[in-house]
Each structure stands twice: as C-alpha cells, then as structure tokens.
Amino acid sequence: MNGKKRKVSVGLIQMACGPDMEQNLAGALEKAEIAAGQGAQILCFQELFTSLYFCDVESYDCFRLAEAVPGPTTERLQALARKRDVAIVASLFEKRAEGLYHNTVAVIDAGGEYLGKYRKMHIPDDPGYYEKFYFTPGDLGYRVFTTRYAKIGTLICWDQWYPEAARITALMGADILFYPTAIGWATAQNEEANREQFDAWQTIQRGHAIANGLHVVAVNRTGREGEMQYWGGSFVSNPLGTVLWQAPHHEEVVHVQSIDLSLTNFYRIHWPFLRDRRIESYGDLQKRFLD
C-alpha cells in the first residue's frame, strides 16, 4: 500500500439515558474521560444524549429540554476538550428562538474551540419518532468541520438513510462521517423483524462508506425507554464496508477505535467511484419523483 498512514483514534460512547438531564450529562462526561484516557482524539456521543428520547410522544412539556447552542452544555464540553485535547461531536436539542427548535450537532475542537453546528436535515415522523412535532429541518446545509485530527462530516440519525447526504458531505472533503443516532426496536416486534431492521440500518451506512471511500462511525443509544428497546450496536466501518468494531446491543460501552485515514486514498484509487461519476446525468435527483 502506497502513502503514509494517517492514524486517528475515535471514541464511541454508547449509553442508556434516564429522566435526569444532569445525571445523563455527568455520566457522559465520565465516559468521555475514560475514552480520552484510552487515547481517543475525537469523541462522539449518541443523538440527544442528555435526555431520554422524548420524541416518542408529542408533548409541549418536552420543549423545556432544549437549550441554546452554543450554550451551557457546549461550555462544559469545551472544558473537557481543553482538559483532554479531544475534539467532540455532541448531539443537542437546540432552542434557536422562541418557538423555533432544531436537532443539532455541535462540534468542538481539541483545545476547546467551538467550531460550529450542523442541523439535522431529514426529520422523521413515524410511530415512536414524532420529530416533526419538535424540530424544524436544518437550514445550514451539509457541513464539514476541520478539527485538529481530521476533517469530519456530521450527519444525524434519520440522515443516515439518505445516500445523497453522505455523498454531499464526502464531496465537501470529509475524512470520516459521524452519525449520532437514537434508533431501536419496538418491544412488540418479533425477533426476525428486529434482526432485519438492525441489518438494514448497518448495511446502508456501510454502503455510504463504500460509495464514498471513507470511514463511517455510528453511535447509537441503548436501554429501554417506554415501548422502545434501543438496539445499541454502535459500529465503525472502513472504506470498503468492513465492520472494524461493533458494540453489543444491550450494554453501555466506551470504545476507542484507531482508524487509518490514508485508506481513503487507497480505496478511491482501486475503486474509483468518484472518478467515474456522471454528474451531468443526475439532474433528475432534484425531483421528488419521476412521474
């Protein structure tokens, strides 16, 4: 293999959440310290990690969980970034203005600098995932952030089903795609349906890694909340779709994965999908459906 290796260590924090936001944040910070102690350079938390996944119901009371971004939680994460020299991907419920809310990722660089935010573009509305009640779709476009260790793309949960989002973020120069996630099994479902859903979730993200020739990091929550059993299964895929590591389904876990960013060049040379794209033929992708 030609080219100098570019190694970076990524910390995945998969946890169960409870109703006490301060307890959730304190637990996440404790786990982040463990990951940093194991050599993590970039940390990623799951989607909406400071609270229960409140979108399983439509309740006006849940809007009180939101905060400004940047705001109090990002300040505490910045302190951690300064202390440990880690970059951080943190999914938060953003209150942008009175009556205007987003599902947002804040990115903090090693040393504590707030680099900016990405607002979730694709907003689901399904039983157990009533996100359109809470979140306005993102209006910042797709984002790539240049951290000390790598250029990272940050997409969020439902975004992970859309190859267009992964492609655009990769074309912006991302070295790694991060997907903070909250997804699980309805407890009434049978084992076969559960298995198929998890396999589909992982497979499409591995496809993004292959199609774009880069690493994908998905960080999901675990634990039971109401009628939902979050399936954990956080994982790291290399640029050819090989799962380098996968978390268990029903346990909290802190894992640090070393990845070689130089593999992007290697795989893109040998599997030159970007070279052979026929961009002039893709205009119809801007249409909802080709009737």
C-alpha atoms as a PDB file:
ATOM      1  CA  MET A   1       0.000   0.000   0.000  1.00  0.00           C
ATOM      2  CA  ASN A   2       1.404   3.367  -1.011  1.00  0.00           C
ATOM      3  CA  GLY A   3       1.202   6.516   1.055  1.00  0.00           C
ATOM      4  CA  LYS A   4       1.924   7.438   4.650  1.00  0.00           C
ATOM      5  CA  LYS A   5      -0.553   6.200   7.224  1.00  0.00           C
ATOM      6  CA  ARG A   6      -2.684   8.876   8.891  1.00  0.00           C
ATOM      7  CA  LYS A   7      -3.965   7.363  12.112  1.00  0.00           C
ATOM      8  CA  VAL A   8      -6.658   8.875  14.319  1.00  0.00           C
ATOM      9  CA  SER A   9      -8.326   7.377  17.383  1.00  0.00           C
ATOM     10  CA  VAL A  10     -12.103   7.755  17.625  1.00  0.00           C
ATOM     11  CA  GLY A  11     -14.039   7.314  20.858  1.00  0.00           C
ATOM     12  CA  LEU A  12     -17.606   5.969  20.699  1.00  0.00           C
ATOM     13  CA  ILE A  13     -19.806   6.428  23.776  1.00  0.00           C
ATOM     14  CA  GLN A  14     -22.910   4.226  23.794  1.00  0.00           C
ATOM     15  CA  MET A  15     -25.083   4.758  26.849  1.00  0.00           C
ATOM     16  CA  ALA A  16     -28.543   4.418  28.324  1.00  0.00           C
ATOM     17  CA  CYS A  17     -30.301   7.611  29.400  1.00  0.00           C
ATOM     18  CA  GLY A  18     -32.696   8.449  32.207  1.00  0.00           C
ATOM     19  CA  PRO A  19     -35.053  11.318  33.043  1.00  0.00           C
ATOM     20  CA  ASP A  20     -32.431  13.386  34.922  1.00  0.00           C
ATOM     21  CA  MET A  21     -30.567  15.530  32.388  1.00  0.00           C
ATOM     22  CA  GLU A  22     -27.752  16.468  34.760  1.00  0.00           C
ATOM     23  CA  GLN A  23     -27.186  12.815  35.600  1.00  0.00           C
ATOM     24  CA  ASN A  24     -27.077  11.923  31.895  1.00  0.00           C
ATOM     25  CA  LEU A  25     -24.565  14.679  31.146  1.00  0.00           C
ATOM     26  CA  ALA A  26     -22.409  13.798  34.146  1.00  0.00           C
ATOM     27  CA  GLY A  27     -22.377  10.157  33.072  1.00  0.00           C
ATOM     28  CA  ALA A  28     -21.470  11.105  29.526  1.00  0.00           C
ATOM     29  CA  LEU A  29     -18.607  13.299  30.722  1.00  0.00           C
ATOM     30  CA  GLU A  30     -17.344  10.479  32.926  1.00  0.00           C
ATOM     31  CA  LYS A  31     -17.380   8.084  29.982  1.00  0.00           C
ATOM     32  CA  ALA A  32     -15.668  10.706  27.821  1.00  0.00           C
ATOM     33  CA  GLU A  33     -12.867  10.906  30.376  1.00  0.00           C
ATOM     34  CA  ILE A  34     -12.461   7.137  30.125  1.00  0.00           C
ATOM     35  CA  ALA A  35     -12.280   7.313  26.315  1.00  0.00           C
ATOM     36  CA  ALA A  36      -9.758  10.155  26.447  1.00  0.00           C
ATOM     37  CA  GLY A  37      -7.691   8.155  28.924  1.00  0.00           C
ATOM     38  CA  GLN A  38      -7.633   5.311  26.398  1.00  0.00           C
ATOM     39  CA  GLY A  39      -6.257   7.608  23.720  1.00  0.00           C
ATOM     40  CA  ALA A  40      -9.360   8.896  21.932  1.00  0.00           C
ATOM     41  CA  GLN A  41      -8.742  12.040  19.898  1.00  0.00           C
ATOM     42  CA  ILE A  42     -12.276  12.541  18.567  1.00  0.00           C
ATOM     43  CA  LEU A  43     -15.271  11.693  20.783  1.00  0.00           C
ATOM     44  CA  CYS A  44     -18.815  11.110  19.557  1.00  0.00           C
ATOM     45  CA  PHE A  45     -21.923  10.867  21.725  1.00  0.00           C
ATOM     46  CA  GLN A  46     -25.264   9.394  20.632  1.00  0.00           C
ATOM     47  CA  GLU A  47     -28.186  11.502  19.453  1.00  0.00           C
ATOM     48  CA  LEU A  48     -29.792  13.693  22.167  1.00  0.00           C
ATOM     49  CA  PHE A  49     -27.579  12.140  24.819  1.00  0.00           C
ATOM     50  CA  THR A  50     -28.535  14.485  27.677  1.00  0.00           C
ATOM     51  CA  SER A  51     -32.131  13.253  27.880  1.00  0.00           C
ATOM     52  CA  LEU A  52     -34.469  10.408  27.205  1.00  0.00           C
ATOM     53  CA  TYR A  53     -35.517  10.219  23.556  1.00  0.00           C
ATOM     54  CA  PHE A  54     -38.562  12.410  24.113  1.00  0.00           C
ATOM     55  CA  CYS A  55     -39.824  12.241  20.510  1.00  0.00           C
ATOM     56  CA  ASP A  56     -41.706   9.032  21.243  1.00  0.00           C
ATOM     57  CA  VAL A  57     -44.598  11.316  22.268  1.00  0.00           C
ATOM     58  CA  GLU A  58     -45.902  14.722  21.234  1.00  0.00           C
ATOM     59  CA  SER A  59     -45.761  16.796  24.393  1.00  0.00           C
ATOM     60  CA  TYR A  60     -45.370  20.551  24.773  1.00  0.00           C
ATOM     61  CA  ASP A  61     -43.607  19.932  28.077  1.00  0.00           C
ATOM     62  CA  CYS A  62     -40.623  18.434  26.267  1.00  0.00           C
ATOM     63  CA  PHE A  63     -39.660  21.781  24.751  1.00  0.00           C
ATOM     64  CA  ARG A  64     -38.259  22.717  28.155  1.00  0.00           C
ATOM     65  CA  LEU A  65     -35.419  20.278  27.494  1.00  0.00           C
ATOM     66  CA  ALA A  66     -33.990  22.500  24.745  1.00  0.00           C
ATOM     67  CA  GLU A  67     -31.108  24.927  25.138  1.00  0.00           C
ATOM     68  CA  ALA A  68     -29.066  27.388  23.149  1.00  0.00           C
ATOM     69  CA  VAL A  69     -26.227  26.017  21.019  1.00  0.00           C
ATOM     70  CA  PRO A  70     -23.625  27.137  21.903  1.00  0.00           C
ATOM     71  CA  GLY A  71     -24.834  27.238  25.468  1.00  0.00           C
ATOM     72  CA  PRO A  72     -24.443  25.618  28.883  1.00  0.00           C
ATOM     73  CA  THR A  73     -23.783  22.065  27.672  1.00  0.00           C
ATOM     74  CA  THR A  74     -21.300  23.098  24.998  1.00  0.00           C
ATOM     75  CA  GLU A  75     -19.453  25.134  27.641  1.00  0.00           C
ATOM     76  CA  ARG A  76     -18.954  22.012  29.751  1.00  0.00           C
ATOM     77  CA  LEU A  77     -17.876  20.036  26.712  1.00  0.00           C
ATOM     78  CA  GLN A  78     -15.422  22.778  25.767  1.00  0.00           C
ATOM     79  CA  ALA A  79     -13.887  22.485  29.221  1.00  0.00           C
ATOM     80  CA  LEU A  80     -13.431  18.757  28.633  1.00  0.00           C
ATOM     81  CA  ALA A  81     -11.918  19.402  25.191  1.00  0.00           C
ATOM     82  CA  ARG A  82      -9.413  21.846  26.697  1.00  0.00           C
ATOM     83  CA  LYS A  83      -8.522  19.490  29.535  1.00  0.00           C
ATOM     84  CA  ARG A  84      -8.127  16.382  27.386  1.00  0.00           C
ATOM     85  CA  ASP A  85      -7.196  17.803  23.971  1.00  0.00           C
ATOM     86  CA  VAL A  86     -10.066  15.961  22.317  1.00  0.00           C
ATOM     87  CA  ALA A  87     -12.448  17.013  19.562  1.00  0.00           C
ATOM     88  CA  ILE A  88     -16.124  16.363  20.341  1.00  0.00           C
ATOM     89  CA  VAL A  89     -19.276  15.626  18.333  1.00  0.00           C
ATOM     90  CA  ALA A  90     -22.290  16.350  20.558  1.00  0.00           C
ATOM     91  CA  SER A  91     -25.967  15.999  19.604  1.00  0.00           C
ATOM     92  CA  LEU A  92     -28.243  18.504  21.365  1.00  0.00           C
ATOM     93  CA  PHE A  93     -31.826  19.807  21.345  1.00  0.00           C
ATOM     94  CA  GLU A  94     -31.322  23.371  20.164  1.00  0.00           C
ATOM     95  CA  LYS A  95     -33.601  26.266  21.043  1.00  0.00           C
ATOM     96  CA  ARG A  96     -32.843  28.738  18.278  1.00  0.00           C
ATOM     97  CA  ALA A  97     -35.573  31.245  19.178  1.00  0.00           C
ATOM     98  CA  GLU A  98     -38.964  31.266  20.852  1.00  0.00           C
ATOM     99  CA  GLY A  99     -40.971  28.566  19.085  1.00  0.00           C
ATOM    100  CA  LEU A 100     -38.068  27.516  16.807  1.00  0.00           C
ATOM    101  CA  TYR A 101     -36.137  24.349  17.599  1.00  0.00           C
ATOM    102  CA  HIS A 102     -33.635  22.075  15.845  1.00  0.00           C
ATOM    103  CA  ASN A 103     -31.989  18.684  16.282  1.00  0.00           C
ATOM    104  CA  THR A 104     -28.401  19.882  16.215  1.00  0.00           C
ATOM    105  CA  VAL A 105     -24.834  18.637  16.441  1.00  0.00           C
ATOM    106  CA  ALA A 106     -22.234  20.913  17.989  1.00  0.00           C
ATOM    107  CA  VAL A 107     -18.590  20.329  17.061  1.00  0.00           C
ATOM    108  CA  ILE A 108     -15.799  21.327  19.428  1.00  0.00           C
ATOM    109  CA  ASP A 109     -12.142  21.130  18.532  1.00  0.00           C
ATOM    110  CA  ALA A 110      -9.290  19.828  20.660  1.00  0.00           C
ATOM    111  CA  GLY A 111      -8.320  22.743  22.867  1.00  0.00           C
ATOM    112  CA  GLY A 112     -11.925  23.791  23.364  1.00  0.00           C
ATOM    113  CA  GLU A 113     -12.739  25.932  20.327  1.00  0.00           C
ATOM    114  CA  TYR A 114     -16.387  25.800  19.266  1.00  0.00           C
ATOM    115  CA  LEU A 115     -16.250  25.104  15.514  1.00  0.00           C
ATOM    116  CA  GLY A 116     -19.944  25.341  14.703  1.00  0.00           C
ATOM    117  CA  LYS A 117     -23.082  23.301  14.310  1.00  0.00           C
ATOM    118  CA  TYR A 118     -24.976  21.087  11.898  1.00  0.00           C
ATOM    119  CA  ARG A 119     -28.770  20.994  11.997  1.00  0.00           C
ATOM    120  CA  LYS A 120     -30.454  17.713  11.084  1.00  0.00           C
ATOM    121  CA  MET A 121     -31.830  17.904   7.549  1.00  0.00           C
ATOM    122  CA  HIS A 122     -34.096  14.851   7.361  1.00  0.00           C
ATOM    123  CA  ILE A 123     -36.790  14.845  10.039  1.00  0.00           C
ATOM    124  CA  PRO A 124     -38.841  11.648  10.549  1.00  0.00           C
ATOM    125  CA  ASP A 125     -42.464  11.359  11.628  1.00  0.00           C
ATOM    126  CA  ASP A 126     -43.346   7.780  12.492  1.00  0.00           C
ATOM    127  CA  PRO A 127     -44.827   5.956  15.490  1.00  0.00           C
ATOM    128  CA  GLY A 128     -42.226   6.362  18.225  1.00  0.00           C
ATOM    129  CA  TYR A 129     -40.314   9.039  16.289  1.00  0.00           C
ATOM    130  CA  TYR A 130     -42.509  12.154  16.191  1.00  0.00           C
ATOM    131  CA  GLU A 131     -39.659  14.513  15.402  1.00  0.00           C
ATOM    132  CA  LYS A 132     -41.600  16.853  13.114  1.00  0.00           C
ATOM    133  CA  PHE A 133     -43.533  17.999  16.188  1.00  0.00           C
ATOM    134  CA  TYR A 134     -40.293  19.287  17.715  1.00  0.00           C
ATOM    135  CA  PHE A 135     -37.705  20.021  15.047  1.00  0.00           C
ATOM    136  CA  THR A 136     -37.530  22.429  12.142  1.00  0.00           C
ATOM    137  CA  PRO A 137     -35.456  20.935   9.289  1.00  0.00           C
ATOM    138  CA  GLY A 138     -31.886  22.157   9.120  1.00  0.00           C
ATOM    139  CA  ASP A 139     -31.105  25.283   7.133  1.00  0.00           C
ATOM    140  CA  LEU A 140     -27.315  25.295   7.323  1.00  0.00           C
ATOM    141  CA  GLY A 141     -26.796  22.718   4.586  1.00  0.00           C
ATOM    142  CA  TYR A 142     -24.390  19.850   4.989  1.00  0.00           C
ATOM    143  CA  ARG A 143     -21.272  20.622   6.996  1.00  0.00           C
ATOM    144  CA  VAL A 144     -17.675  19.525   7.307  1.00  0.00           C
ATOM    145  CA  PHE A 145     -15.550  20.654  10.244  1.00  0.00           C
ATOM    146  CA  THR A 146     -11.759  20.818  10.259  1.00  0.00           C
ATOM    147  CA  THR A 147     -10.622  19.551  13.648  1.00  0.00           C
ATOM    148  CA  ARG A 148      -7.031  19.183  14.780  1.00  0.00           C
ATOM    149  CA  TYR A 149      -7.129  15.483  13.926  1.00  0.00           C
ATOM    150  CA  ALA A 150      -9.340  15.147  10.845  1.00  0.00           C
ATOM    151  CA  LYS A 151     -11.983  16.793   8.679  1.00  0.00           C
ATOM    152  CA  ILE A 152     -15.244  15.346   9.904  1.00  0.00           C
ATOM    153  CA  GLY A 153     -18.753  15.275   8.467  1.00  0.00           C
ATOM    154  CA  THR A 154     -21.611  15.203  10.959  1.00  0.00           C
ATOM    155  CA  LEU A 155     -24.995  13.834   9.981  1.00  0.00           C
ATOM    156  CA  ILE A 156     -27.734  12.784  12.414  1.00  0.00           C
ATOM    157  CA  CYS A 157     -29.805   9.584  12.687  1.00  0.00           C
ATOM    158  CA  TRP A 158     -32.548   9.764  10.002  1.00  0.00           C
ATOM    159  CA  ASP A 159     -29.968  11.383   7.709  1.00  0.00           C
ATOM    160  CA  GLN A 160     -28.195   8.023   7.664  1.00  0.00           C
ATOM    161  CA  TRP A 161     -30.776   6.515   5.314  1.00  0.00           C
ATOM    162  CA  TYR A 162     -30.059   9.052   2.551  1.00  0.00           C
ATOM    163  CA  PRO A 163     -27.080   8.418   0.234  1.00  0.00           C
ATOM    164  CA  GLU A 164     -27.388  11.975  -1.076  1.00  0.00           C
ATOM    165  CA  ALA A 165     -26.483  13.406   2.345  1.00  0.00           C
ATOM    166  CA  ALA A 166     -23.465  11.135   2.698  1.00  0.00           C
ATOM    167  CA  ARG A 167     -22.320  11.894  -0.853  1.00  0.00           C
ATOM    168  CA  ILE A 168     -22.516  15.663  -0.486  1.00  0.00           C
ATOM    169  CA  THR A 169     -20.695  15.583   2.842  1.00  0.00           C
ATOM    170  CA  ALA A 170     -17.974  13.379   1.343  1.00  0.00           C
ATOM    171  CA  LEU A 171     -17.640  15.711  -1.639  1.00  0.00           C
ATOM    172  CA  MET A 172     -17.023  18.543   0.826  1.00  0.00           C
ATOM    173  CA  GLY A 173     -13.849  16.753   1.899  1.00  0.00           C
ATOM    174  CA  ALA A 174     -14.860  14.790   4.995  1.00  0.00           C
ATOM    175  CA  ASP A 175     -12.345  12.193   6.178  1.00  0.00           C
ATOM    176  CA  ILE A 176     -14.926  10.497   8.433  1.00  0.00           C
ATOM    177  CA  LEU A 177     -18.732  10.517   8.546  1.00  0.00           C
ATOM    178  CA  PHE A 178     -20.193  10.570  12.066  1.00  0.00           C
ATOM    179  CA  TYR A 179     -23.821   9.568  12.711  1.00  0.00           C
ATOM    180  CA  PRO A 180     -25.103  10.212  16.259  1.00  0.00           C
ATOM    181  CA  THR A 181     -28.229   8.055  16.434  1.00  0.00           C
ATOM    182  CA  ALA A 182     -31.265   7.058  18.509  1.00  0.00           C
ATOM    183  CA  ILE A 183     -32.953   4.033  16.979  1.00  0.00           C
ATOM    184  CA  GLY A 184     -34.379   0.856  18.388  1.00  0.00           C
ATOM    185  CA  TRP A 185     -36.874  -1.952  18.276  1.00  0.00           C
ATOM    186  CA  ALA A 186     -40.495  -1.627  19.276  1.00  0.00           C
ATOM    187  CA  THR A 187     -40.799  -4.216  22.027  1.00  0.00           C
ATOM    188  CA  ALA A 188     -43.865  -5.735  20.345  1.00  0.00           C
ATOM    189  CA  GLN A 189     -41.860  -6.738  17.250  1.00  0.00           C
ATOM    190  CA  ASN A 190     -40.677 -10.276  16.675  1.00  0.00           C
ATOM    191  CA  GLU A 191     -37.061 -11.384  16.534  1.00  0.00           C
ATOM    192  CA  GLU A 192     -36.919 -11.643  12.743  1.00  0.00           C
ATOM    193  CA  ALA A 193     -38.183  -8.081  12.252  1.00  0.00           C
ATOM    194  CA  ASN A 194     -35.686  -6.842  14.827  1.00  0.00           C
ATOM    195  CA  ARG A 195     -32.809  -8.565  13.078  1.00  0.00           C
ATOM    196  CA  GLU A 196     -33.821  -7.288   9.650  1.00  0.00           C
ATOM    197  CA  GLN A 197     -34.137  -3.715  10.861  1.00  0.00           C
ATOM    198  CA  PHE A 198     -30.727  -3.677  12.513  1.00  0.00           C
ATOM    199  CA  ASP A 199     -29.131  -5.285   9.461  1.00  0.00           C
ATOM    200  CA  ALA A 200     -30.719  -2.683   7.170  1.00  0.00           C
ATOM    201  CA  TRP A 201     -29.523   0.152   9.420  1.00  0.00           C
ATOM    202  CA  GLN A 202     -25.966  -1.068   9.440  1.00  0.00           C
ATOM    203  CA  THR A 203     -25.889  -2.127   5.789  1.00  0.00           C
ATOM    204  CA  ILE A 204     -26.938   1.231   4.363  1.00  0.00           C
ATOM    205  CA  GLN A 205     -24.267   3.003   6.375  1.00  0.00           C
ATOM    206  CA  ARG A 206     -21.639   0.528   5.282  1.00  0.00           C
ATOM    207  CA  GLY A 207     -22.837   1.344   1.766  1.00  0.00           C
ATOM    208  CA  HIS A 208     -22.108   5.026   2.387  1.00  0.00           C
ATOM    209  CA  ALA A 209     -18.592   4.071   3.434  1.00  0.00           C
ATOM    210  CA  ILE A 210     -18.090   2.043   0.250  1.00  0.00           C
ATOM    211  CA  ALA A 211     -19.676   4.521  -2.165  1.00  0.00           C
ATOM    212  CA  ASN A 212     -17.618   7.403  -0.789  1.00  0.00           C
ATOM    213  CA  GLY A 213     -14.423   5.628   0.188  1.00  0.00           C
ATOM    214  CA  LEU A 214     -14.261   6.797   3.788  1.00  0.00           C
ATOM    215  CA  HIS A 215     -14.788   5.609   7.348  1.00  0.00           C
ATOM    216  CA  VAL A 216     -18.250   5.753   8.918  1.00  0.00           C
ATOM    217  CA  VAL A 217     -18.807   5.970  12.681  1.00  0.00           C
ATOM    218  CA  ALA A 218     -22.339   5.379  14.010  1.00  0.00           C
ATOM    219  CA  VAL A 219     -23.050   5.908  17.725  1.00  0.00           C
ATOM    220  CA  ASN A 220     -26.437   4.712  18.977  1.00  0.00           C
ATOM    221  CA  ARG A 221     -28.095   4.650  22.389  1.00  0.00           C
ATOM    222  CA  THR A 222     -29.008   1.529  24.325  1.00  0.00           C
ATOM    223  CA  GLY A 223     -31.504   0.691  27.059  1.00  0.00           C
ATOM    224  CA  ARG A 224     -35.272   0.514  27.237  1.00  0.00           C
ATOM    225  CA  GLU A 225     -37.370   3.673  27.184  1.00  0.00           C
ATOM    226  CA  GLY A 226     -41.114   3.140  27.262  1.00  0.00           C
ATOM    227  CA  GLU A 227     -42.063   0.773  24.449  1.00  0.00           C
ATOM    228  CA  MET A 228     -38.718   1.131  22.681  1.00  0.00           C
ATOM    229  CA  GLN A 229     -35.649  -1.039  23.200  1.00  0.00           C
ATOM    230  CA  TYR A 230     -32.773   0.929  21.729  1.00  0.00           C
ATOM    231  CA  TRP A 231     -30.580  -1.502  19.912  1.00  0.00           C
ATOM    232  CA  GLY A 232     -27.109  -0.145  20.592  1.00  0.00           C
ATOM    233  CA  GLY A 233     -24.886  -1.794  18.014  1.00  0.00           C
ATOM    234  CA  SER A 234     -22.710   1.283  17.511  1.00  0.00           C
ATOM    235  CA  PHE A 235     -20.024   0.493  14.955  1.00  0.00           C
ATOM    236  CA  VAL A 236     -17.118   1.637  12.808  1.00  0.00           C
ATOM    237  CA  SER A 237     -16.869   0.744   9.119  1.00  0.00           C
ATOM    238  CA  ASN A 238     -13.779   1.104   6.981  1.00  0.00           C
ATOM    239  CA  PRO A 239     -13.963   2.489   3.396  1.00  0.00           C
ATOM    240  CA  LEU A 240     -14.761  -0.935   1.933  1.00  0.00           C
ATOM    241  CA  GLY A 241     -17.632  -1.573   4.314  1.00  0.00           C
ATOM    242  CA  THR A 242     -15.814  -3.903   6.691  1.00  0.00           C
ATOM    243  CA  VAL A 243     -17.088  -3.536  10.255  1.00  0.00           C
ATOM    244  CA  LEU A 244     -13.971  -2.884  12.327  1.00  0.00           C
ATOM    245  CA  TRP A 245     -15.879  -2.963  15.607  1.00  0.00           C
ATOM    246  CA  GLN A 246     -19.476  -3.304  16.740  1.00  0.00           C
ATOM    247  CA  ALA A 247     -20.929  -2.658  20.194  1.00  0.00           C
ATOM    248  CA  PRO A 248     -23.273  -5.101  21.922  1.00  0.00           C
ATOM    249  CA  HIS A 249     -26.990  -4.381  21.722  1.00  0.00           C
ATOM    250  CA  HIS A 250     -27.892  -4.165  25.406  1.00  0.00           C
ATOM    251  CA  GLU A 251     -24.872  -2.729  27.194  1.00  0.00           C
ATOM    252  CA  GLU A 252     -23.330   0.647  27.764  1.00  0.00           C
ATOM    253  CA  VAL A 253     -19.856   0.748  26.296  1.00  0.00           C
ATOM    254  CA  VAL A 254     -16.920   3.064  25.736  1.00  0.00           C
ATOM    255  CA  HIS A 255     -14.730   2.064  22.818  1.00  0.00           C
ATOM    256  CA  VAL A 256     -11.706   3.672  21.188  1.00  0.00           C
ATOM    257  CA  GLN A 257     -11.050   2.664  17.587  1.00  0.00           C
ATOM    258  CA  SER A 258      -7.877   3.510  15.700  1.00  0.00           C
ATOM    259  CA  ILE A 259      -8.552   4.196  12.031  1.00  0.00           C
ATOM    260  CA  ASP A 260      -6.191   4.894   9.159  1.00  0.00           C
ATOM    261  CA  LEU A 261      -7.370   7.873   7.125  1.00  0.00           C
ATOM    262  CA  SER A 262      -4.888   7.076   4.358  1.00  0.00           C
ATOM    263  CA  LEU A 263      -7.149   4.158   3.399  1.00  0.00           C
ATOM    264  CA  THR A 264      -9.459   6.674   1.722  1.00  0.00           C
ATOM    265  CA  ASN A 265      -6.840   7.373  -0.930  1.00  0.00           C
ATOM    266  CA  PHE A 266      -6.021   3.675  -1.273  1.00  0.00           C
ATOM    267  CA  TYR A 267      -9.611   2.569  -1.802  1.00  0.00           C
ATOM    268  CA  ARG A 268     -10.519   5.511  -4.010  1.00  0.00           C
ATOM    269  CA  ILE A 269      -7.606   4.644  -6.289  1.00  0.00           C
ATOM    270  CA  HIS A 270      -8.596   0.981  -6.503  1.00  0.00           C
ATOM    271  CA  TRP A 271     -12.364   1.575  -6.521  1.00  0.00           C
ATOM    272  CA  PRO A 272     -12.595   4.949  -8.325  1.00  0.00           C
ATOM    273  CA  PHE A 273     -16.282   5.677  -7.842  1.00  0.00           C
ATOM    274  CA  LEU A 274     -15.743   9.423  -7.542  1.00  0.00           C
ATOM    275  CA  ARG A 275     -13.719   9.478 -10.762  1.00  0.00           C
ATOM    276  CA  ASP A 276     -16.450   7.773 -12.764  1.00  0.00           C
ATOM    277  CA  ARG A 277     -19.460   9.723 -11.530  1.00  0.00           C
ATOM    278  CA  ARG A 278     -21.556  11.049 -14.445  1.00  0.00           C
ATOM    279  CA  ILE A 279     -22.594  14.238 -12.707  1.00  0.00           C
ATOM    280  CA  GLU A 280     -24.221  15.658 -15.845  1.00  0.00           C
ATOM    281  CA  SER A 281     -26.752  12.803 -15.798  1.00  0.00           C
ATOM    282  CA  TYR A 282     -28.015  13.296 -12.241  1.00  0.00           C
ATOM    283  CA  GLY A 283     -30.273  16.320 -12.697  1.00  0.00           C
ATOM    284  CA  ASP A 284     -33.416  14.284 -12.047  1.00  0.00           C
ATOM    285  CA  LEU A 285     -32.317  13.763  -8.446  1.00  0.00           C
ATOM    286  CA  GLN A 286     -33.664  17.238  -7.748  1.00  0.00           C
ATOM    287  CA  LYS A 287     -37.196  15.998  -8.488  1.00  0.00           C
ATOM    288  CA  ARG A 288     -39.440  14.380  -5.896  1.00  0.00           C
ATOM    289  CA  PHE A 289     -40.479  11.543  -8.249  1.00  0.00           C
ATOM    290  CA  LEU A 290     -40.269  10.888 -11.975  1.00  0.00           C
ATOM    291  CA  ASP A 291     -43.941  10.512 -12.872  1.00  0.00           C
END
